[in-house]
Amino acid sequence: MRTPAAGWLSYLGGWITGLIFLLLKRENRFVRFHAMQSLIFFGAIGIVTTVFSHSPLLSSLSAGLLFVSFVCWIVLMVKAARGRYYKLP
């Protein structure tokens, strides 16, 4: 599999595909970078969304967070497909 394809595929299924590509493509720095970023970003989003959804005061923020994560998901996949490193802040 070509490197940019493996990079954007590591974002496709959120943290699960990030973990899979991290375990399978350890020798490739580009794929490892995107897989690790996918694992950390989507894992954190999942935890924060779960916590927010269980709190009545923060449940409205959960929808906004999901929208932001969707936009980030698209941007990260496009950057990886173009063969670029894009580090989230």
C-alpha atoms as a PDB file:
ATOM      1  CA  MET A   1       0.000   0.000   0.000  1.00  0.00           C
ATOM      2  CA  ARG A   2       1.294   3.439  -0.875  1.00  0.00           C
ATOM      3  CA  THR A   3       2.216   5.735   1.977  1.00  0.00           C
ATOM      4  CA  PRO A   4      -0.364   8.552   1.454  1.00  0.00           C
ATOM      5  CA  ALA A   5      -3.150   5.992   1.142  1.00  0.00           C
ATOM      6  CA  ALA A   6      -2.162   4.357   4.415  1.00  0.00           C
ATOM      7  CA  GLY A   7      -1.919   7.817   5.981  1.00  0.00           C
ATOM      8  CA  TRP A   8      -5.478   8.846   5.184  1.00  0.00           C
ATOM      9  CA  LEU A   9      -6.843   5.385   5.875  1.00  0.00           C
ATOM     10  CA  SER A  10      -5.511   5.676   9.418  1.00  0.00           C
ATOM     11  CA  TYR A  11      -8.101   8.435   9.964  1.00  0.00           C
ATOM     12  CA  LEU A  12     -10.991   6.686   8.229  1.00  0.00           C
ATOM     13  CA  GLY A  13     -12.256   4.674  11.194  1.00  0.00           C
ATOM     14  CA  GLY A  14     -11.179   7.012  13.968  1.00  0.00           C
ATOM     15  CA  TRP A  15      -8.999   5.668  16.738  1.00  0.00           C
ATOM     16  CA  ILE A  16      -9.561   2.036  15.700  1.00  0.00           C
ATOM     17  CA  THR A  17      -7.884   2.357  12.301  1.00  0.00           C
ATOM     18  CA  GLY A  18      -5.252   4.564  13.901  1.00  0.00           C
ATOM     19  CA  LEU A  19      -4.381   1.721  16.250  1.00  0.00           C
ATOM     20  CA  ILE A  20      -4.418  -0.850  13.444  1.00  0.00           C
ATOM     21  CA  PHE A  21      -2.058   1.156  11.229  1.00  0.00           C
ATOM     22  CA  LEU A  22       0.161   1.997  14.188  1.00  0.00           C
ATOM     23  CA  LEU A  23       0.627  -1.706  14.839  1.00  0.00           C
ATOM     24  CA  LEU A  24       0.971  -2.734  11.180  1.00  0.00           C
ATOM     25  CA  LYS A  25       3.143   0.041   9.727  1.00  0.00           C
ATOM     26  CA  ARG A  26       5.665   0.724  12.480  1.00  0.00           C
ATOM     27  CA  GLU A  27       8.592   1.193  10.102  1.00  0.00           C
ATOM     28  CA  ASN A  28       7.024   3.998   8.049  1.00  0.00           C
ATOM     29  CA  ARG A  29       7.414   7.380   9.761  1.00  0.00           C
ATOM     30  CA  PHE A  30       4.641   9.101   7.766  1.00  0.00           C
ATOM     31  CA  VAL A  31       2.040   6.427   8.476  1.00  0.00           C
ATOM     32  CA  ARG A  32       3.128   6.140  12.106  1.00  0.00           C
ATOM     33  CA  PHE A  33       2.705   9.923  12.545  1.00  0.00           C
ATOM     34  CA  HIS A  34      -0.827   9.960  11.135  1.00  0.00           C
ATOM     35  CA  ALA A  35      -1.846   6.773  12.927  1.00  0.00           C
ATOM     36  CA  MET A  36      -0.652   8.144  16.275  1.00  0.00           C
ATOM     37  CA  GLN A  37      -2.375  11.469  15.674  1.00  0.00           C
ATOM     38  CA  SER A  38      -5.600   9.664  14.765  1.00  0.00           C
ATOM     39  CA  LEU A  39      -5.401   7.494  17.861  1.00  0.00           C
ATOM     40  CA  ILE A  40      -4.799  10.424  20.214  1.00  0.00           C
ATOM     41  CA  PHE A  41      -7.244  12.871  18.596  1.00  0.00           C
ATOM     42  CA  PHE A  42     -10.210  10.546  18.187  1.00  0.00           C
ATOM     43  CA  GLY A  43      -9.574   8.829  21.500  1.00  0.00           C
ATOM     44  CA  ALA A  44      -9.651  12.190  23.271  1.00  0.00           C
ATOM     45  CA  ILE A  45     -12.746  13.295  21.343  1.00  0.00           C
ATOM     46  CA  GLY A  46     -14.501  10.067  22.303  1.00  0.00           C
ATOM     47  CA  ILE A  47     -13.694  10.457  25.985  1.00  0.00           C
ATOM     48  CA  VAL A  48     -14.649  14.144  26.138  1.00  0.00           C
ATOM     49  CA  THR A  49     -17.884  13.577  24.209  1.00  0.00           C
ATOM     50  CA  THR A  50     -18.851  10.743  26.540  1.00  0.00           C
ATOM     51  CA  VAL A  51     -18.227  12.889  29.608  1.00  0.00           C
ATOM     52  CA  PHE A  52     -20.090  15.861  28.121  1.00  0.00           C
ATOM     53  CA  SER A  53     -23.094  13.780  27.110  1.00  0.00           C
ATOM     54  CA  HIS A  54     -23.602  12.561  30.686  1.00  0.00           C
ATOM     55  CA  SER A  55     -23.734  16.076  32.099  1.00  0.00           C
ATOM     56  CA  PRO A  56     -26.933  18.093  31.557  1.00  0.00           C
ATOM     57  CA  LEU A  57     -25.025  21.380  31.534  1.00  0.00           C
ATOM     58  CA  LEU A  58     -22.441  20.251  29.001  1.00  0.00           C
ATOM     59  CA  SER A  59     -24.582  18.120  26.691  1.00  0.00           C
ATOM     60  CA  SER A  60     -25.133  20.997  24.260  1.00  0.00           C
ATOM     61  CA  LEU A  61     -21.360  21.341  23.885  1.00  0.00           C
ATOM     62  CA  SER A  62     -21.192  17.720  22.825  1.00  0.00           C
ATOM     63  CA  ALA A  63     -22.942  18.449  19.511  1.00  0.00           C
ATOM     64  CA  GLY A  64     -20.582  21.331  18.776  1.00  0.00           C
ATOM     65  CA  LEU A  65     -17.594  19.180  19.602  1.00  0.00           C
ATOM     66  CA  LEU A  66     -18.799  16.484  17.236  1.00  0.00           C
ATOM     67  CA  PHE A  67     -19.135  19.043  14.436  1.00  0.00           C
ATOM     68  CA  VAL A  68     -15.603  20.340  15.041  1.00  0.00           C
ATOM     69  CA  SER A  69     -14.235  16.803  15.110  1.00  0.00           C
ATOM     70  CA  PHE A  70     -15.990  16.042  11.800  1.00  0.00           C
ATOM     71  CA  VAL A  71     -14.349  19.062  10.152  1.00  0.00           C
ATOM     72  CA  CYS A  72     -10.959  18.065  11.592  1.00  0.00           C
ATOM     73  CA  TRP A  73     -11.493  14.511  10.361  1.00  0.00           C
ATOM     74  CA  ILE A  74     -11.999  15.719   6.773  1.00  0.00           C
ATOM     75  CA  VAL A  75      -9.020  18.115   6.922  1.00  0.00           C
ATOM     76  CA  LEU A  76      -6.723  15.451   8.364  1.00  0.00           C
ATOM     77  CA  MET A  77      -7.685  12.897   5.721  1.00  0.00           C
ATOM     78  CA  VAL A  78      -7.134  15.382   2.882  1.00  0.00           C
ATOM     79  CA  LYS A  79      -3.740  16.461   4.229  1.00  0.00           C
ATOM     80  CA  ALA A  80      -2.621  12.854   4.665  1.00  0.00           C
ATOM     81  CA  ALA A  81      -3.872  11.898   1.189  1.00  0.00           C
ATOM     82  CA  ARG A  82      -1.749  14.692  -0.268  1.00  0.00           C
ATOM     83  CA  GLY A  83       1.296  13.337   1.532  1.00  0.00           C
ATOM     84  CA  ARG A  84       1.632  16.202   3.999  1.00  0.00           C
ATOM     85  CA  TYR A  85       2.285  16.229   7.693  1.00  0.00           C
ATOM     86  CA  TYR A  86      -0.334  18.274   9.513  1.00  0.00           C
ATOM     87  CA  LYS A  87       0.178  18.538  13.231  1.00  0.00           C
ATOM     88  CA  LEU A  88      -2.818  19.416  15.357  1.00  0.00           C
ATOM     89  CA  PRO A  89      -2.195  22.015  18.058  1.00  0.00           C
END
